């Protein structure tokens, strides 16, 4: 069994963000990128931060 490296609250926020996107955006306008942005916004509202690696 593998361990999930993500805190349960983060997983829950991502799930809620994706569900919110799915329910509020018309199907013909949905894109994976916009779904990811919405999910990330849910994480940020909970206080999570996004760290980008330095370019090599």
N, C-alpha and C. Protein backbone atom coordinates (compact mmCIF):
# COMPACT_ATOMS: atom_id res chain seq x y z
N UNK A 1 0.84 -1.19 0.00
CA UNK A 1 0.00 0.00 0.00
C UNK A 1 0.88 1.25 0.00
N UNK A 2 0.60 2.19 -0.90
CA UNK A 2 1.37 3.43 -0.95
C UNK A 2 0.68 4.48 -0.08
N UNK A 3 1.49 5.37 0.43
CA UNK A 3 0.99 6.44 1.27
C UNK A 3 0.72 7.67 0.41
N UNK A 4 -0.41 8.30 0.63
CA UNK A 4 -0.75 9.51 -0.10
C UNK A 4 0.05 10.66 0.51
N UNK A 5 0.91 11.34 -0.29
CA UNK A 5 1.73 12.41 0.26
C UNK A 5 0.97 13.71 0.48
N UNK A 6 -0.27 13.77 0.08
CA UNK A 6 -1.05 15.00 0.20
C UNK A 6 -1.91 14.98 1.46
N UNK A 7 -1.96 16.10 2.16
CA UNK A 7 -2.84 16.16 3.34
C UNK A 7 -4.30 15.94 2.92
N UNK A 8 -5.07 15.22 3.72
CA UNK A 8 -6.47 14.97 3.37
C UNK A 8 -7.25 16.26 3.10
N UNK A 9 -6.96 17.33 3.81
CA UNK A 9 -7.66 18.60 3.58
C UNK A 9 -7.37 19.15 2.18
N UNK A 10 -6.15 18.94 1.70
CA UNK A 10 -5.79 19.40 0.36
C UNK A 10 -6.52 18.58 -0.70
N UNK A 11 -6.59 17.29 -0.50
CA UNK A 11 -7.30 16.42 -1.44
C UNK A 11 -8.78 16.81 -1.47
N UNK A 12 -9.35 17.06 -0.30
CA UNK A 12 -10.75 17.47 -0.20
C UNK A 12 -10.97 18.80 -0.93
N UNK A 13 -10.07 19.74 -0.76
CA UNK A 13 -10.20 21.04 -1.44
C UNK A 13 -10.13 20.88 -2.95
N UNK A 14 -9.22 20.05 -3.41
CA UNK A 14 -9.12 19.81 -4.85
C UNK A 14 -10.41 19.19 -5.39
N UNK A 15 -10.94 18.22 -4.67
CA UNK A 15 -12.18 17.57 -5.10
C UNK A 15 -13.33 18.58 -5.15
N UNK A 16 -13.42 19.42 -4.14
CA UNK A 16 -14.49 20.42 -4.13
C UNK A 16 -14.30 21.44 -5.25
N UNK A 17 -13.08 21.86 -5.49
CA UNK A 17 -12.83 22.79 -6.57
C UNK A 17 -13.21 22.22 -7.92
N UNK A 18 -12.85 20.96 -8.15
CA UNK A 18 -13.20 20.34 -9.43
C UNK A 18 -14.70 20.14 -9.57
N UNK A 19 -15.35 19.76 -8.48
CA UNK A 19 -16.81 19.59 -8.52
C UNK A 19 -17.50 20.92 -8.78
N UNK A 20 -17.04 21.97 -8.12
CA UNK A 20 -17.59 23.31 -8.33
C UNK A 20 -17.46 23.71 -9.80
N UNK A 21 -16.28 23.50 -10.35
CA UNK A 21 -16.04 23.82 -11.76
C UNK A 21 -17.00 23.03 -12.66
N UNK A 22 -17.10 21.73 -12.40
CA UNK A 22 -17.95 20.88 -13.23
C UNK A 22 -19.41 21.32 -13.19
N UNK A 23 -19.86 21.77 -12.02
CA UNK A 23 -21.27 22.14 -11.87
C UNK A 23 -21.59 23.56 -12.34
N UNK A 24 -20.59 24.43 -12.39
CA UNK A 24 -20.86 25.84 -12.71
C UNK A 24 -20.37 26.28 -14.09
N UNK A 25 -19.66 25.42 -14.78
CA UNK A 25 -19.16 25.77 -16.11
C UNK A 25 -19.86 24.91 -17.14
N UNK A 26 -20.46 25.52 -18.15
CA UNK A 26 -21.12 24.72 -19.19
C UNK A 26 -20.16 23.68 -19.78
N UNK A 27 -20.67 22.50 -20.01
CA UNK A 27 -19.86 21.39 -20.49
C UNK A 27 -19.04 21.75 -21.72
N UNK A 28 -19.63 22.47 -22.65
CA UNK A 28 -18.91 22.80 -23.88
C UNK A 28 -17.83 23.86 -23.68
N UNK A 29 -17.74 24.43 -22.48
CA UNK A 29 -16.72 25.44 -22.19
C UNK A 29 -15.66 24.93 -21.21
N UNK A 30 -15.81 23.71 -20.74
CA UNK A 30 -14.87 23.17 -19.77
C UNK A 30 -13.56 22.76 -20.43
N UNK A 31 -12.46 23.09 -19.76
CA UNK A 31 -11.14 22.67 -20.23
C UNK A 31 -10.36 22.13 -19.03
N UNK A 32 -9.44 21.21 -19.27
CA UNK A 32 -8.63 20.71 -18.16
C UNK A 32 -7.84 21.82 -17.47
N UNK A 33 -7.32 22.76 -18.24
CA UNK A 33 -6.53 23.85 -17.65
C UNK A 33 -7.39 24.71 -16.72
N UNK A 34 -8.58 25.05 -17.14
CA UNK A 34 -9.46 25.87 -16.29
C UNK A 34 -9.91 25.10 -15.06
N UNK A 35 -10.12 23.80 -15.20
CA UNK A 35 -10.47 22.98 -14.04
C UNK A 35 -9.33 22.98 -13.03
N UNK A 36 -8.11 22.87 -13.53
CA UNK A 36 -6.94 22.89 -12.65
C UNK A 36 -6.80 24.23 -11.93
N UNK A 37 -7.05 25.31 -12.64
CA UNK A 37 -6.98 26.64 -12.02
C UNK A 37 -8.01 26.76 -10.91
N UNK A 38 -9.23 26.33 -11.17
CA UNK A 38 -10.27 26.40 -10.15
C UNK A 38 -9.89 25.57 -8.93
N UNK A 39 -9.39 24.37 -9.15
CA UNK A 39 -8.98 23.51 -8.04
C UNK A 39 -7.84 24.16 -7.25
N UNK A 40 -6.88 24.75 -7.95
CA UNK A 40 -5.77 25.42 -7.27
C UNK A 40 -6.26 26.61 -6.46
N UNK A 41 -7.24 27.32 -6.97
CA UNK A 41 -7.80 28.46 -6.23
C UNK A 41 -8.41 28.00 -4.91
N UNK A 42 -9.03 26.83 -4.90
CA UNK A 42 -9.58 26.28 -3.66
C UNK A 42 -8.46 26.02 -2.66
N UNK A 43 -7.34 25.50 -3.13
CA UNK A 43 -6.21 25.25 -2.24
C UNK A 43 -5.69 26.56 -1.65
N UNK A 44 -5.55 27.56 -2.48
CA UNK A 44 -5.02 28.85 -2.03
C UNK A 44 -5.95 29.48 -1.00
N UNK A 45 -7.26 29.35 -1.18
CA UNK A 45 -8.18 29.95 -0.21
C UNK A 45 -8.07 29.27 1.15
N UNK A 46 -7.57 28.03 1.19
CA UNK A 46 -7.36 27.34 2.47
C UNK A 46 -5.99 27.65 3.07
N UNK A 47 -5.21 28.48 2.39
CA UNK A 47 -3.91 28.86 2.92
C UNK A 47 -2.74 28.10 2.35
N UNK A 48 -2.99 27.17 1.44
CA UNK A 48 -1.89 26.46 0.79
C UNK A 48 -1.20 27.43 -0.16
N UNK A 49 0.08 27.23 -0.35
CA UNK A 49 0.83 28.07 -1.29
C UNK A 49 1.38 27.21 -2.41
N UNK A 50 1.66 27.84 -3.50
CA UNK A 50 2.20 27.15 -4.66
C UNK A 50 3.66 27.58 -4.82
N UNK A 51 4.55 26.61 -4.88
CA UNK A 51 5.97 26.89 -5.04
C UNK A 51 6.42 26.33 -6.38
N UNK A 52 6.93 27.19 -7.21
CA UNK A 52 7.44 26.75 -8.51
C UNK A 52 8.94 26.53 -8.41
N UNK A 53 9.43 25.45 -8.99
CA UNK A 53 10.87 25.21 -8.95
C UNK A 53 11.61 26.25 -9.78
N UNK A 54 12.83 26.54 -9.37
CA UNK A 54 13.66 27.45 -10.14
C UNK A 54 14.02 26.79 -11.48
N UNK A 55 14.02 27.58 -12.55
CA UNK A 55 14.41 27.01 -13.85
C UNK A 55 15.85 26.50 -13.79
N UNK A 56 16.07 25.40 -14.49
CA UNK A 56 17.42 24.81 -14.50
C UNK A 56 18.36 25.58 -15.39
